C-alpha atoms as a PDB file:
ATOM      1  CA  MET A   1     162.186 156.515  30.755  1.00  0.00           C
ATOM      2  CA  LEU A   2     158.624 156.944  29.524  1.00  0.00           C
ATOM      3  CA  ALA A   3     159.644 155.276  26.374  1.00  0.00           C
ATOM      4  CA  SER A   4     161.114 152.223  27.915  1.00  0.00           C
ATOM      5  CA  ALA A   5     159.100 149.060  27.844  1.00  0.00           C
ATOM      6  CA  GLU A   6     160.258 148.100  31.250  1.00  0.00           C
ATOM      7  CA  PHE A   7     158.809 151.288  32.644  1.00  0.00           C
ATOM      8  CA  TRP A   8     155.433 150.622  31.082  1.00  0.00           C
ATOM      9  CA  VAL A   9     155.561 146.989  32.200  1.00  0.00           C
ATOM     10  CA  LEU A  10     156.271 148.244  35.716  1.00  0.00           C
ATOM     11  CA  ILE A  11     153.425 150.740  35.500  1.00  0.00           C
ATOM     12  CA  SER A  12     151.111 148.113  34.080  1.00  0.00           C
ATOM     13  CA  PHE A  13     152.155 145.711  36.823  1.00  0.00           C
ATOM     14  CA  LEU A  14     151.570 148.329  39.491  1.00  0.00           C
ATOM     15  CA  ILE A  15     148.161 149.235  38.029  1.00  0.00           C
ATOM     16  CA  LEU A  16     147.295 145.560  37.779  1.00  0.00           C
ATOM     17  CA  LEU A  17     148.491 145.030  41.316  1.00  0.00           C
ATOM     18  CA  ALA A  18     146.504 148.066  42.549  1.00  0.00           C
ATOM     19  CA  MET A  19     143.394 146.836  40.733  1.00  0.00           C
ATOM     20  CA  GLY A  20     143.930 143.312  42.036  1.00  0.00           C
ATOM     21  CA  LEU A  21     144.423 144.636  45.504  1.00  0.00           C
ATOM     22  CA  TYR A  22     141.441 146.953  45.232  1.00  0.00           C
ATOM     23  CA  TRP A  23     139.020 144.373  43.820  1.00  0.00           C
ATOM     24  CA  GLY A  24     140.680 141.209  45.066  1.00  0.00           C
ATOM     25  CA  LEU A  25     141.726 142.302  48.549  1.00  0.00           C
ATOM     26  CA  ARG A  26     138.270 143.497  49.540  1.00  0.00           C
ATOM     27  CA  PRO A  27     136.567 140.165  48.919  1.00  0.00           C
ATOM     28  CA  THR A  28     139.513 138.347  50.448  1.00  0.00           C
ATOM     29  CA  LEU A  29     139.450 140.598  53.511  1.00  0.00           C
ATOM     30  CA  GLY A  30     135.679 140.307  53.650  1.00  0.00           C
ATOM     31  CA  MET A  31     135.976 136.564  53.437  1.00  0.00           C
ATOM     32  CA  LEU A  32     138.664 136.604  56.150  1.00  0.00           C
ATOM     33  CA  ASP A  33     136.473 138.913  58.270  1.00  0.00           C
ATOM     34  CA  LYS A  34     133.521 136.551  57.833  1.00  0.00           C
ATOM     35  CA  ARG A  35     135.727 133.596  58.713  1.00  0.00           C
ATOM     36  CA  ALA A  36     137.078 135.427  61.770  1.00  0.00           C
ATOM     37  CA  GLU A  37     133.496 136.278  62.808  1.00  0.00           C
ATOM     38  CA  ARG A  38     132.477 132.637  62.376  1.00  0.00           C
ATOM     39  CA  VAL A  39     135.453 131.561  64.506  1.00  0.00           C
ATOM     40  CA  ARG A  40     134.502 134.151  67.167  1.00  0.00           C
ATOM     41  CA  GLN A  41     130.901 132.911  67.049  1.00  0.00           C
ATOM     42  CA  GLN A  42     132.065 129.319  67.418  1.00  0.00           C
ATOM     43  CA  ILE A  43     134.284 130.343  70.345  1.00  0.00           C
ATOM     44  CA  ARG A  44     131.299 132.117  71.995  1.00  0.00           C
ATOM     45  CA  GLU A  45     129.141 129.032  71.409  1.00  0.00           C
ATOM     46  CA  ALA A  46     131.903 126.816  72.785  1.00  0.00           C
ATOM     47  CA  GLU A  47     132.158 129.033  75.883  1.00  0.00           C
ATOM     48  CA  GLU A  48     128.373 128.955  76.304  1.00  0.00           C
ATOM     49  CA  LEU A  49     128.428 125.177  75.925  1.00  0.00           C
ATOM     50  CA  ARG A  50     131.264 124.941  78.465  1.00  0.00           C
ATOM     51  CA  GLU A  51     129.348 127.149  80.916  1.00  0.00           C
ATOM     52  CA  GLU A  52     126.200 125.109  80.350  1.00  0.00           C
ATOM     53  CA  ALA A  53     128.192 121.914  80.860  1.00  0.00           C
ATOM     54  CA  GLN A  54     129.588 123.326  84.103  1.00  0.00           C
ATOM     55  CA  ARG A  55     126.041 124.225  85.236  1.00  0.00           C
ATOM     56  CA  GLU A  56     124.881 120.726  84.290  1.00  0.00           C
ATOM     57  CA  LEU A  57     127.841 119.208  86.156  1.00  0.00           C
ATOM     58  CA  ALA A  58     127.103 121.311  89.239  1.00  0.00           C
ATOM     59  CA  GLU A  59     123.427 120.294  89.028  1.00  0.00           C
ATOM     60  CA  ALA A  60     124.392 116.635  88.630  1.00  0.00           C
ATOM     61  CA  LYS A  61     126.726 116.854  91.646  1.00  0.00           C
ATOM     62  CA  ARG A  62     123.983 118.530  93.689  1.00  0.00           C
ATOM     63  CA  THR A  63     121.502 115.855  92.623  1.00  0.00           C
ATOM     64  CA  GLN A  64     124.046 113.175  93.491  1.00  0.00           C
ATOM     65  CA  ARG A  65     124.594 114.701  96.955  1.00  0.00           C
ATOM     66  CA  GLU A  66     120.839 114.869  97.500  1.00  0.00           C
ATOM     67  CA  ALA A  67     120.412 111.278  96.358  1.00  0.00           C
ATOM     68  CA  LYS A  68     123.218 110.153  98.669  1.00  0.00           C
ATOM     69  CA  ARG A  69     121.682 112.063 101.572  1.00  0.00           C
ATOM     70  CA  ASP A  70     118.266 110.575 100.778  1.00  0.00           C
ATOM     71  CA  ALA A  71     119.773 107.082 100.605  1.00  0.00           C
ATOM     72  CA  GLU A  72     121.486 107.614 103.966  1.00  0.00           C
ATOM     73  CA  GLU A  73     118.193 108.813 105.454  1.00  0.00           C
ATOM     74  CA  ILE A  74     116.398 105.757 104.042  1.00  0.00           C
ATOM     75  CA  VAL A  75     119.052 103.428 105.460  1.00  0.00           C
ATOM     76  CA  GLU A  76     118.897 105.147 108.858  1.00  0.00           C
ATOM     77  CA  HIS A  77     115.107 104.985 108.828  1.00  0.00           C
ATOM     78  CA  ALA A  78     115.272 101.289 107.933  1.00  0.00           C
ATOM     79  CA  ARG A  79     117.712 100.655 110.798  1.00  0.00           C
ATOM     80  CA  THR A  80     115.487 102.542 113.230  1.00  0.00           C
ATOM     81  CA  GLU A  81     112.392 100.713 112.011  1.00  0.00           C
ATOM     82  CA  ALA A  82     114.167  97.340 112.236  1.00  0.00           C
ATOM     83  CA  GLN A  83     115.263  98.115 115.803  1.00  0.00           C
ATOM     84  CA  ARG A  84     111.737  99.182 116.717  1.00  0.00           C
ATOM     85  CA  LEU A  85     110.279  96.013 115.184  1.00  0.00           C
ATOM     86  CA  ARG A  86     112.870  93.874 116.970  1.00  0.00           C
ATOM     87  CA  GLU A  87     112.054  95.491 120.311  1.00  0.00           C
ATOM     88  CA  ARG A  88     108.320  95.134 119.718  1.00  0.00           C
ATOM     89  CA  SER A  89     108.742  91.479 118.724  1.00  0.00           C
ATOM     90  CA  GLU A  90     110.826  90.791 121.811  1.00  0.00           C
ATOM     91  CA  ALA A  91     108.213  92.465 124.018  1.00  0.00           C
ATOM     92  CA  GLU A  92     105.404  90.494 122.361  1.00  0.00           C
ATOM     93  CA  LEU A  93     107.379  87.259 122.759  1.00  0.00           C
ATOM     94  CA  LYS A  94     108.029  87.962 126.445  1.00  0.00           C
ATOM     95  CA  GLU A  95     104.356  88.764 126.962  1.00  0.00           C
ATOM     96  CA  GLN A  96     103.287  85.610 125.131  1.00  0.00           C
ATOM     97  CA  LEU A  97     105.713  83.456 127.121  1.00  0.00           C
ATOM     98  CA  ALA A  98     104.499  84.996 130.398  1.00  0.00           C
ATOM     99  CA  ARG A  99     100.886  84.366 129.377  1.00  0.00           C
ATOM    100  CA  ARG A 100     101.672  80.743 128.497  1.00  0.00           C
ATOM    101  CA  GLU A 101     103.515  80.320 131.787  1.00  0.00           C
ATOM    102  CA  ARG A 102     100.504  81.704 133.717  1.00  0.00           C
ATOM    103  CA  LEU A 103      98.155  79.398 131.827  1.00  0.00           C
ATOM    104  CA  THR A 104     100.432  76.423 132.446  1.00  0.00           C
ATOM    105  CA  MET A 105     100.669  77.253 136.159  1.00  0.00           C
ATOM    106  CA  GLN A 106      96.878  77.611 136.335  1.00  0.00           C
ATOM    107  CA  ARG A 107      96.448  74.232 134.648  1.00  0.00           C
ATOM    108  CA  ILE A 108      98.980  72.635 136.997  1.00  0.00           C
ATOM    109  CA  GLU A 109      97.230  74.123 140.029  1.00  0.00           C
ATOM    110  CA  GLN A 110      93.849  72.983 138.707  1.00  0.00           C
ATOM    111  CA  THR A 111      95.216  69.493 138.067  1.00  0.00           C
ATOM    112  CA  GLU A 112      96.721  69.412 141.576  1.00  0.00           C
ATOM    113  CA  ARG A 113      93.387  70.503 143.100  1.00  0.00           C
ATOM    114  CA  GLU A 114      91.511  67.906 141.103  1.00  0.00           C
ATOM    115  CA  ALA A 115      94.031  65.207 142.027  1.00  0.00           C
ATOM    116  CA  LEU A 116      93.880  66.203 145.692  1.00  0.00           C
ATOM    117  CA  GLU A 117      90.088  66.149 145.644  1.00  0.00           C
ATOM    118  CA  GLU A 118      90.151  62.772 143.918  1.00  0.00           C
ATOM    119  CA  VAL A 119      92.642  61.430 146.467  1.00  0.00           C
ATOM    120  CA  ARG A 120      90.523  62.774 149.341  1.00  0.00           C
ATOM    121  CA  ALA A 121      87.395  61.267 147.850  1.00  0.00           C
ATOM    122  CA  ARG A 122      89.165  57.940 147.329  1.00  0.00           C
ATOM    123  CA  ILE A 123      90.587  57.997 150.878  1.00  0.00           C
ATOM    124  CA  ALA A 124      87.172  58.775 152.243  1.00  0.00           C
ATOM    125  CA  GLU A 125      85.649  55.975 150.198  1.00  0.00           C
ATOM    126  CA  VAL A 126      88.330  53.514 151.322  1.00  0.00           C
ATOM    127  CA  ALA A 127      87.963  54.637 154.924  1.00  0.00           C
ATOM    128  CA  VAL A 128      84.207  54.251 154.785  1.00  0.00           C
ATOM    129  CA  ASN A 129      84.494  50.811 153.193  1.00  0.00           C
ATOM    130  CA  ALA A 130      87.134  49.706 155.696  1.00  0.00           C
ATOM    131  CA  THR A 131      85.148  51.030 158.608  1.00  0.00           C
ATOM    132  CA  GLU A 132      82.043  49.367 157.306  1.00  0.00           C
ATOM    133  CA  ARG A 133      83.856  46.017 157.009  1.00  0.00           C
ATOM    134  CA  LEU A 134      85.391  46.333 160.428  1.00  0.00           C
ATOM    135  CA  CYS A 135      82.124  47.263 161.933  1.00  0.00           C
ATOM    136  CA  ARG A 136      80.328  44.393 160.238  1.00  0.00           C
ATOM    137  CA  ASP A 137      82.942  41.913 161.295  1.00  0.00           C
ATOM    138  CA  ASN A 138      83.645  43.074 164.857  1.00  0.00           C
ATOM    139  CA  MET A 139      80.664  44.915 166.142  1.00  0.00           C
ATOM    140  CA  THR A 140      77.332  44.178 167.527  1.00  0.00           C
ATOM    141  CA  ASP A 141      74.370  45.724 165.927  1.00  0.00           C
ATOM    142  CA  LYS A 142      73.905  48.464 168.466  1.00  0.00           C
ATOM    143  CA  ARG A 143      77.543  49.316 169.005  1.00  0.00           C
ATOM    144  CA  GLY A 144      78.194  49.087 165.280  1.00  0.00           C
ATOM    145  CA  SER A 145      75.456  51.520 164.517  1.00  0.00           C
ATOM    146  CA  GLU A 146      76.877  54.039 167.004  1.00  0.00           C
ATOM    147  CA  LEU A 147      80.408  53.757 165.607  1.00  0.00           C
ATOM    148  CA  VAL A 148      79.237  53.958 162.009  1.00  0.00           C
ATOM    149  CA  ASP A 149      77.242  57.080 162.725  1.00  0.00           C
ATOM    150  CA  ALA A 150      80.194  58.694 164.515  1.00  0.00           C
ATOM    151  CA  ALA A 151      82.634  57.734 161.717  1.00  0.00           C
ATOM    152  CA  ILE A 152      80.291  59.025 159.044  1.00  0.00           C
ATOM    153  CA  GLN A 153      79.951  62.335 160.839  1.00  0.00           C
ATOM    154  CA  ASP A 154      83.726  62.529 161.339  1.00  0.00           C
ATOM    155  CA  VAL A 155      84.416  61.749 157.685  1.00  0.00           C
ATOM    156  CA  GLY A 156      81.823  64.305 156.583  1.00  0.00           C
ATOM    157  CA  LYS A 157      83.472  66.974 158.719  1.00  0.00           C
ATOM    158  CA  ARG A 158      86.919  66.153 157.374  1.00  0.00           C
ATOM    159  CA  LEU A 159      85.774  66.235 153.788  1.00  0.00           C
ATOM    160  CA  HIS A 160      84.236  69.670 154.165  1.00  0.00           C
ATOM    161  CA  SER A 161      87.125  71.233 155.991  1.00  0.00           C
END
């Protein structure tokens, strides 16, 4: 058996295999260990990135909710302000219309007073002229003077009352 070539080939193969495993397996296992460590590191990084992405997503959702709430508050404030402005404008318009109505009524009353005074003055003037003509045409000097004086006094009283 020690003399057979097959035995020595087997021994040589086993020694070669042992040496290959000893020197070749270590680097291969080391390389596989390094690769496994790199994969583990990449998995950890991926998990960290996923967690960070989830935090970012939660932050974005929170920001979105806040922005929506702020927008709703702005819209509600705008509605309230518009209602307040509308009410104030209506009140100002009513006040302005009432003021114009008062001024118009005052002007109408003033115009009526002036017209009435003008009519009274014109009536008095016409009455005086008519009385004067009647007196000139129908009266004697003495009687005419008495009637004119009485009419003038009567007209003066009526104008001042």
